[in-house]
Amino acid sequence: MNNWFTRVVFSSIGKKLIMAITGLFFCIFMLIHIIDNMMIYRGKTVFESYVRSLHSFPLLISSVEIGLIIFAFLHIGFGMILFYENWRARPINYKLIKGAGGKTLSSRLMPYTGLYILAFVIIHLINFRFAEQKTESIYDLLNIAFSNPLYVAFYLFSVIVVALHIRHGFWSAFQSLGLNHSKYMPLIERISLVFAIILAIILGSVPIYFYL
């Protein structure tokens, strides 16, 4: 049983399945994060009240954070293994990269955007999640952080990278799960594009809102 499970998990299909499942959970988290960020526009008092209501469930918050960390390690780890295996299978790079076979800018950059997002999340946690424990007002913390134009530019660029990653990752997750029916896949691809655009606009508007 254990040998069968190990063979399945560490097979190429198994790794893609785990990446698909963990990637979809990341998309769900980003959707919730979008809703969280929209609360900022209702003003400091409402936003602070909303944050306090979330923190009234510390066990839930901790469980979600631990789950996201585990999923992130699985997603990135298996992603890098697959990238290395594909590189080993085709060690000689093509001189001309073509867009055939469904290849897009976001799909070609997936390994690199994934690593960049990991670095961005670490910086984001240091600047907000961990710093939040040292201050009474997360709203003021955001105001201070986004008063720096360099950090605003970095955050905006990072949001675009996240959107590019999700734009390809969302629909390809359905493909990895075997849900790529020809009738519904074009719709899922359009949904992934719309989701990525909405994410970029809402998350990107936050630093601009505070800076201006």
C-alpha atoms as a PDB file:
ATOM      1  CA  MET A   1       0.000   0.000   0.000  1.00  0.00           C
ATOM      2  CA  ASN A   2       2.737   2.457   1.000  1.00  0.00           C
ATOM      3  CA  ASN A   3       4.854   1.555  -2.015  1.00  0.00           C
ATOM      4  CA  TRP A   4       1.855   2.045  -4.313  1.00  0.00           C
ATOM      5  CA  PHE A   5       1.038   5.393  -2.723  1.00  0.00           C
ATOM      6  CA  THR A   6       4.649   6.563  -2.953  1.00  0.00           C
ATOM      7  CA  ARG A   7       4.909   5.531  -6.607  1.00  0.00           C
ATOM      8  CA  VAL A   8       1.707   7.388  -7.458  1.00  0.00           C
ATOM      9  CA  VAL A   9       2.622  10.568  -5.555  1.00  0.00           C
ATOM     10  CA  PHE A  10       6.130  10.789  -6.975  1.00  0.00           C
ATOM     11  CA  SER A  11       5.119   9.895 -10.513  1.00  0.00           C
ATOM     12  CA  SER A  12       4.850  12.702 -13.042  1.00  0.00           C
ATOM     13  CA  ILE A  13       1.035  12.530 -12.932  1.00  0.00           C
ATOM     14  CA  GLY A  14       1.006  12.426  -9.124  1.00  0.00           C
ATOM     15  CA  LYS A  15       3.196  15.499  -8.833  1.00  0.00           C
ATOM     16  CA  LYS A  16       0.998  17.377 -11.301  1.00  0.00           C
ATOM     17  CA  LEU A  17      -2.120  16.395  -9.340  1.00  0.00           C
ATOM     18  CA  ILE A  18      -0.643  17.673  -6.081  1.00  0.00           C
ATOM     19  CA  MET A  19       0.408  20.901  -7.775  1.00  0.00           C
ATOM     20  CA  ALA A  20      -3.106  21.301  -9.214  1.00  0.00           C
ATOM     21  CA  ILE A  21      -4.834  20.768  -5.851  1.00  0.00           C
ATOM     22  CA  THR A  22      -2.484  23.015  -3.888  1.00  0.00           C
ATOM     23  CA  GLY A  23      -2.648  25.625  -6.662  1.00  0.00           C
ATOM     24  CA  LEU A  24      -6.442  25.734  -6.542  1.00  0.00           C
ATOM     25  CA  PHE A  25      -6.314  26.198  -2.771  1.00  0.00           C
ATOM     26  CA  PHE A  26      -3.947  29.116  -3.365  1.00  0.00           C
ATOM     27  CA  CYS A  27      -6.487  30.594  -5.806  1.00  0.00           C
ATOM     28  CA  ILE A  28      -9.233  30.254  -3.182  1.00  0.00           C
ATOM     29  CA  PHE A  29      -7.010  31.996  -0.641  1.00  0.00           C
ATOM     30  CA  MET A  30      -6.317  34.821  -3.094  1.00  0.00           C
ATOM     31  CA  LEU A  31     -10.051  35.224  -3.672  1.00  0.00           C
ATOM     32  CA  ILE A  32     -10.565  35.599   0.083  1.00  0.00           C
ATOM     33  CA  HIS A  33      -7.599  37.982   0.203  1.00  0.00           C
ATOM     34  CA  ILE A  34      -9.253  40.112  -2.486  1.00  0.00           C
ATOM     35  CA  ILE A  35     -12.389  40.358  -0.334  1.00  0.00           C
ATOM     36  CA  ASP A  36     -10.229  41.293   2.669  1.00  0.00           C
ATOM     37  CA  ASN A  37      -8.542  44.083   0.710  1.00  0.00           C
ATOM     38  CA  MET A  38     -11.863  45.492  -0.478  1.00  0.00           C
ATOM     39  CA  MET A  39     -12.738  46.160   3.164  1.00  0.00           C
ATOM     40  CA  ILE A  40     -10.005  48.815   3.193  1.00  0.00           C
ATOM     41  CA  TYR A  41     -12.153  51.108   1.042  1.00  0.00           C
ATOM     42  CA  ARG A  42     -14.864  51.165   3.687  1.00  0.00           C
ATOM     43  CA  GLY A  43     -12.581  53.207   5.933  1.00  0.00           C
ATOM     44  CA  LYS A  44     -10.164  52.653   8.787  1.00  0.00           C
ATOM     45  CA  THR A  45     -12.780  51.961  11.471  1.00  0.00           C
ATOM     46  CA  VAL A  46     -14.619  49.296   9.464  1.00  0.00           C
ATOM     47  CA  PHE A  47     -11.380  47.695   8.288  1.00  0.00           C
ATOM     48  CA  GLU A  48      -9.891  47.559  11.786  1.00  0.00           C
ATOM     49  CA  SER A  49     -13.123  46.056  13.108  1.00  0.00           C
ATOM     50  CA  TYR A  50     -13.016  43.445  10.357  1.00  0.00           C
ATOM     51  CA  VAL A  51      -9.399  42.539  11.178  1.00  0.00           C
ATOM     52  CA  ARG A  52     -10.224  42.212  14.893  1.00  0.00           C
ATOM     53  CA  SER A  53     -13.150  39.919  14.078  1.00  0.00           C
ATOM     54  CA  LEU A  54     -10.820  37.670  12.090  1.00  0.00           C
ATOM     55  CA  HIS A  55      -8.286  37.584  14.908  1.00  0.00           C
ATOM     56  CA  SER A  56     -11.004  36.483  17.322  1.00  0.00           C
ATOM     57  CA  PHE A  57     -10.541  33.040  15.765  1.00  0.00           C
ATOM     58  CA  PRO A  58      -6.817  32.469  16.402  1.00  0.00           C
ATOM     59  CA  LEU A  59      -7.004  28.688  15.975  1.00  0.00           C
ATOM     60  CA  LEU A  60      -8.631  29.063  12.564  1.00  0.00           C
ATOM     61  CA  ILE A  61      -6.104  31.688  11.471  1.00  0.00           C
ATOM     62  CA  SER A  62      -3.166  29.545  12.628  1.00  0.00           C
ATOM     63  CA  SER A  63      -4.582  26.449  10.906  1.00  0.00           C
ATOM     64  CA  VAL A  64      -4.996  28.303   7.629  1.00  0.00           C
ATOM     65  CA  GLU A  65      -1.470  29.731   7.842  1.00  0.00           C
ATOM     66  CA  ILE A  66       0.071  26.319   8.591  1.00  0.00           C
ATOM     67  CA  GLY A  67      -1.945  24.745   5.782  1.00  0.00           C
ATOM     68  CA  LEU A  68      -0.811  27.422   3.332  1.00  0.00           C
ATOM     69  CA  ILE A  69       2.834  26.902   4.320  1.00  0.00           C
ATOM     70  CA  ILE A  70       2.545  23.130   3.795  1.00  0.00           C
ATOM     71  CA  PHE A  71       0.743  23.588   0.469  1.00  0.00           C
ATOM     72  CA  ALA A  72       3.342  26.153  -0.624  1.00  0.00           C
ATOM     73  CA  PHE A  73       6.219  23.748   0.063  1.00  0.00           C
ATOM     74  CA  LEU A  74       4.420  20.945  -1.792  1.00  0.00           C
ATOM     75  CA  HIS A  75       3.478  23.165  -4.727  1.00  0.00           C
ATOM     76  CA  ILE A  76       6.893  24.767  -5.137  1.00  0.00           C
ATOM     77  CA  GLY A  77       8.832  21.590  -4.353  1.00  0.00           C
ATOM     78  CA  PHE A  78       7.015  19.400  -6.860  1.00  0.00           C
ATOM     79  CA  GLY A  79       7.004  22.260  -9.350  1.00  0.00           C
ATOM     80  CA  MET A  80      10.796  22.538  -9.235  1.00  0.00           C
ATOM     81  CA  ILE A  81      11.168  18.754  -9.502  1.00  0.00           C
ATOM     82  CA  LEU A  82       8.969  18.706 -12.621  1.00  0.00           C
ATOM     83  CA  PHE A  83      10.868  21.660 -14.070  1.00  0.00           C
ATOM     84  CA  TYR A  84      14.185  19.850 -13.500  1.00  0.00           C
ATOM     85  CA  GLU A  85      12.851  16.606 -14.966  1.00  0.00           C
ATOM     86  CA  ASN A  86      11.617  18.422 -18.075  1.00  0.00           C
ATOM     87  CA  TRP A  87      14.953  20.192 -18.368  1.00  0.00           C
ATOM     88  CA  ARG A  88      16.807  16.877 -18.090  1.00  0.00           C
ATOM     89  CA  ALA A  89      14.569  15.362 -20.747  1.00  0.00           C
ATOM     90  CA  ARG A  90      15.386  18.218 -23.118  1.00  0.00           C
ATOM     91  CA  PRO A  91      18.759  19.663 -22.061  1.00  0.00           C
ATOM     92  CA  ILE A  92      19.401  21.469 -25.364  1.00  0.00           C
ATOM     93  CA  ASN A  93      17.429  24.700 -25.541  1.00  0.00           C
ATOM     94  CA  TYR A  94      15.708  25.631 -28.735  1.00  0.00           C
ATOM     95  CA  LYS A  95      17.177  28.642 -30.485  1.00  0.00           C
ATOM     96  CA  LEU A  96      13.679  29.827 -31.386  1.00  0.00           C
ATOM     97  CA  ILE A  97      10.881  29.735 -28.844  1.00  0.00           C
ATOM     98  CA  LYS A  98       7.516  29.439 -30.517  1.00  0.00           C
ATOM     99  CA  GLY A  99       4.084  30.023 -29.052  1.00  0.00           C
ATOM    100  CA  ALA A 100       2.703  26.772 -30.432  1.00  0.00           C
ATOM    101  CA  GLY A 101       1.226  24.035 -28.285  1.00  0.00           C
ATOM    102  CA  GLY A 102      -0.569  26.409 -25.962  1.00  0.00           C
ATOM    103  CA  LYS A 103       2.657  28.057 -24.802  1.00  0.00           C
ATOM    104  CA  THR A 104       2.150  31.595 -23.537  1.00  0.00           C
ATOM    105  CA  LEU A 105       4.306  34.091 -21.687  1.00  0.00           C
ATOM    106  CA  SER A 106       2.710  33.126 -18.366  1.00  0.00           C
ATOM    107  CA  SER A 107       3.171  29.379 -18.999  1.00  0.00           C
ATOM    108  CA  ARG A 108       6.857  29.735 -19.945  1.00  0.00           C
ATOM    109  CA  LEU A 109       7.550  31.852 -16.861  1.00  0.00           C
ATOM    110  CA  MET A 110       5.721  29.607 -14.362  1.00  0.00           C
ATOM    111  CA  PRO A 111       8.846  28.237 -12.569  1.00  0.00           C
ATOM    112  CA  TYR A 112      10.365  31.703 -12.268  1.00  0.00           C
ATOM    113  CA  THR A 113       7.186  33.509 -11.232  1.00  0.00           C
ATOM    114  CA  GLY A 114       6.599  30.774  -8.649  1.00  0.00           C
ATOM    115  CA  LEU A 115       9.987  31.385  -7.004  1.00  0.00           C
ATOM    116  CA  TYR A 116       9.470  35.143  -7.173  1.00  0.00           C
ATOM    117  CA  ILE A 117       6.062  34.821  -5.496  1.00  0.00           C
ATOM    118  CA  LEU A 118       7.676  32.802  -2.684  1.00  0.00           C
ATOM    119  CA  ALA A 119      10.164  35.620  -2.072  1.00  0.00           C
ATOM    120  CA  PHE A 120       7.382  38.216  -2.274  1.00  0.00           C
ATOM    121  CA  VAL A 121       5.213  36.336   0.243  1.00  0.00           C
ATOM    122  CA  ILE A 122       8.129  36.139   2.699  1.00  0.00           C
ATOM    123  CA  ILE A 123       8.738  39.894   2.399  1.00  0.00           C
ATOM    124  CA  HIS A 124       5.003  40.553   2.651  1.00  0.00           C
ATOM    125  CA  LEU A 125       4.722  38.504   5.859  1.00  0.00           C
ATOM    126  CA  ILE A 126       7.714  40.271   7.409  1.00  0.00           C
ATOM    127  CA  ASN A 127       6.328  43.708   6.577  1.00  0.00           C
ATOM    128  CA  PHE A 128       2.699  43.081   7.544  1.00  0.00           C
ATOM    129  CA  ARG A 129       1.809  39.796   9.247  1.00  0.00           C
ATOM    130  CA  PHE A 130       4.725  39.718  11.707  1.00  0.00           C
ATOM    131  CA  ALA A 131       4.918  43.495  12.087  1.00  0.00           C
ATOM    132  CA  GLU A 132       1.186  43.521  12.778  1.00  0.00           C
ATOM    133  CA  GLN A 133       1.841  41.848  16.119  1.00  0.00           C
ATOM    134  CA  LYS A 134       3.889  44.878  17.206  1.00  0.00           C
ATOM    135  CA  THR A 135       1.301  47.523  16.369  1.00  0.00           C
ATOM    136  CA  GLU A 136      -2.325  48.116  17.244  1.00  0.00           C
ATOM    137  CA  SER A 137      -3.333  49.402  13.807  1.00  0.00           C
ATOM    138  CA  ILE A 138      -2.812  47.368  10.637  1.00  0.00           C
ATOM    139  CA  TYR A 139      -4.361  50.249   8.693  1.00  0.00           C
ATOM    140  CA  ASP A 140      -1.638  52.623   9.902  1.00  0.00           C
ATOM    141  CA  LEU A 141       0.956  49.972   9.092  1.00  0.00           C
ATOM    142  CA  LEU A 142      -0.300  49.827   5.511  1.00  0.00           C
ATOM    143  CA  ASN A 143      -0.313  53.604   5.332  1.00  0.00           C
ATOM    144  CA  ILE A 144       3.319  53.786   6.445  1.00  0.00           C
ATOM    145  CA  ALA A 145       4.524  50.988   4.167  1.00  0.00           C
ATOM    146  CA  PHE A 146       2.852  52.370   1.049  1.00  0.00           C
ATOM    147  CA  SER A 147       4.115  55.896   1.641  1.00  0.00           C
ATOM    148  CA  ASN A 148       7.395  54.640   0.138  1.00  0.00           C
ATOM    149  CA  PRO A 149       7.196  54.900  -3.686  1.00  0.00           C
ATOM    150  CA  LEU A 150       9.840  52.195  -4.129  1.00  0.00           C
ATOM    151  CA  TYR A 151       7.809  49.723  -2.087  1.00  0.00           C
ATOM    152  CA  VAL A 152       4.669  50.699  -3.995  1.00  0.00           C
ATOM    153  CA  ALA A 153       6.459  49.952  -7.289  1.00  0.00           C
ATOM    154  CA  PHE A 154       7.750  46.642  -5.917  1.00  0.00           C
ATOM    155  CA  TYR A 155       4.279  45.666  -4.708  1.00  0.00           C
ATOM    156  CA  LEU A 156       2.632  46.562  -8.012  1.00  0.00           C
ATOM    157  CA  PHE A 157       5.191  44.557  -9.962  1.00  0.00           C
ATOM    158  CA  SER A 158       4.694  41.608  -7.596  1.00  0.00           C
ATOM    159  CA  VAL A 159       0.919  41.733  -8.049  1.00  0.00           C
ATOM    160  CA  ILE A 160       1.397  41.534 -11.824  1.00  0.00           C
ATOM    161  CA  VAL A 161       3.661  38.502 -11.363  1.00  0.00           C
ATOM    162  CA  VAL A 162       1.031  36.825  -9.167  1.00  0.00           C
ATOM    163  CA  ALA A 163      -1.648  37.555 -11.761  1.00  0.00           C
ATOM    164  CA  LEU A 164       0.479  36.049 -14.537  1.00  0.00           C
ATOM    165  CA  HIS A 165       1.072  32.923 -12.452  1.00  0.00           C
ATOM    166  CA  ILE A 166      -2.617  32.488 -11.640  1.00  0.00           C
ATOM    167  CA  ARG A 167      -3.699  33.289 -15.193  1.00  0.00           C
ATOM    168  CA  HIS A 168      -1.988  30.092 -16.403  1.00  0.00           C
ATOM    169  CA  GLY A 169      -2.093  28.049 -13.195  1.00  0.00           C
ATOM    170  CA  PHE A 170      -5.855  28.235 -12.662  1.00  0.00           C
ATOM    171  CA  TRP A 171      -6.953  26.648 -15.943  1.00  0.00           C
ATOM    172  CA  SER A 172      -3.969  24.260 -16.149  1.00  0.00           C
ATOM    173  CA  ALA A 173      -4.956  22.889 -12.713  1.00  0.00           C
ATOM    174  CA  PHE A 174      -8.264  21.745 -14.198  1.00  0.00           C
ATOM    175  CA  GLN A 175      -6.339  20.180 -17.052  1.00  0.00           C
ATOM    176  CA  SER A 176      -4.058  18.295 -14.635  1.00  0.00           C
ATOM    177  CA  LEU A 177      -7.123  17.025 -12.762  1.00  0.00           C
ATOM    178  CA  GLY A 178      -8.513  15.611 -15.997  1.00  0.00           C
ATOM    179  CA  LEU A 179     -11.334  18.140 -16.191  1.00  0.00           C
ATOM    180  CA  ASN A 180     -10.263  19.575 -19.539  1.00  0.00           C
ATOM    181  CA  HIS A 181     -13.430  18.868 -21.503  1.00  0.00           C
ATOM    182  CA  SER A 182     -13.336  20.598 -24.876  1.00  0.00           C
ATOM    183  CA  LYS A 183     -16.769  22.089 -24.209  1.00  0.00           C
ATOM    184  CA  TYR A 184     -15.886  23.761 -20.906  1.00  0.00           C
ATOM    185  CA  MET A 185     -12.136  24.417 -21.141  1.00  0.00           C
ATOM    186  CA  PRO A 186     -12.434  27.641 -23.181  1.00  0.00           C
ATOM    187  CA  LEU A 187     -14.778  29.005 -20.489  1.00  0.00           C
ATOM    188  CA  ILE A 188     -12.346  28.004 -17.716  1.00  0.00           C
ATOM    189  CA  GLU A 189      -9.513  29.730 -19.597  1.00  0.00           C
ATOM    190  CA  ARG A 190     -11.582  32.920 -19.851  1.00  0.00           C
ATOM    191  CA  ILE A 191     -12.436  32.695 -16.145  1.00  0.00           C
ATOM    192  CA  SER A 192      -8.738  32.364 -15.297  1.00  0.00           C
ATOM    193  CA  LEU A 193      -7.967  35.486 -17.343  1.00  0.00           C
ATOM    194  CA  VAL A 194     -10.791  37.490 -15.737  1.00  0.00           C
ATOM    195  CA  PHE A 195      -9.766  36.282 -12.272  1.00  0.00           C
ATOM    196  CA  ALA A 196      -6.158  37.334 -12.892  1.00  0.00           C
ATOM    197  CA  ILE A 197      -7.227  40.778 -14.135  1.00  0.00           C
ATOM    198  CA  ILE A 198      -9.561  41.345 -11.154  1.00  0.00           C
ATOM    199  CA  LEU A 199      -6.817  40.235  -8.775  1.00  0.00           C
ATOM    200  CA  ALA A 200      -4.285  42.596 -10.350  1.00  0.00           C
ATOM    201  CA  ILE A 201      -6.694  45.557 -10.288  1.00  0.00           C
ATOM    202  CA  ILE A 202      -7.958  45.142  -6.706  1.00  0.00           C
ATOM    203  CA  LEU A 203      -4.663  44.172  -5.051  1.00  0.00           C
ATOM    204  CA  GLY A 204      -2.762  46.698  -7.146  1.00  0.00           C
ATOM    205  CA  SER A 205      -5.161  49.498  -6.235  1.00  0.00           C
ATOM    206  CA  VAL A 206      -4.402  49.161  -2.516  1.00  0.00           C
ATOM    207  CA  PRO A 207      -0.846  50.612  -2.537  1.00  0.00           C
ATOM    208  CA  ILE A 208      -1.974  53.327  -4.962  1.00  0.00           C
ATOM    209  CA  TYR A 209      -4.897  54.183  -2.643  1.00  0.00           C
ATOM    210  CA  PHE A 210      -2.605  54.661   0.354  1.00  0.00           C
ATOM    211  CA  TYR A 211       0.143  56.422  -1.584  1.00  0.00           C
ATOM    212  CA  LEU A 212      -2.200  58.986  -3.092  1.00  0.00           C
END
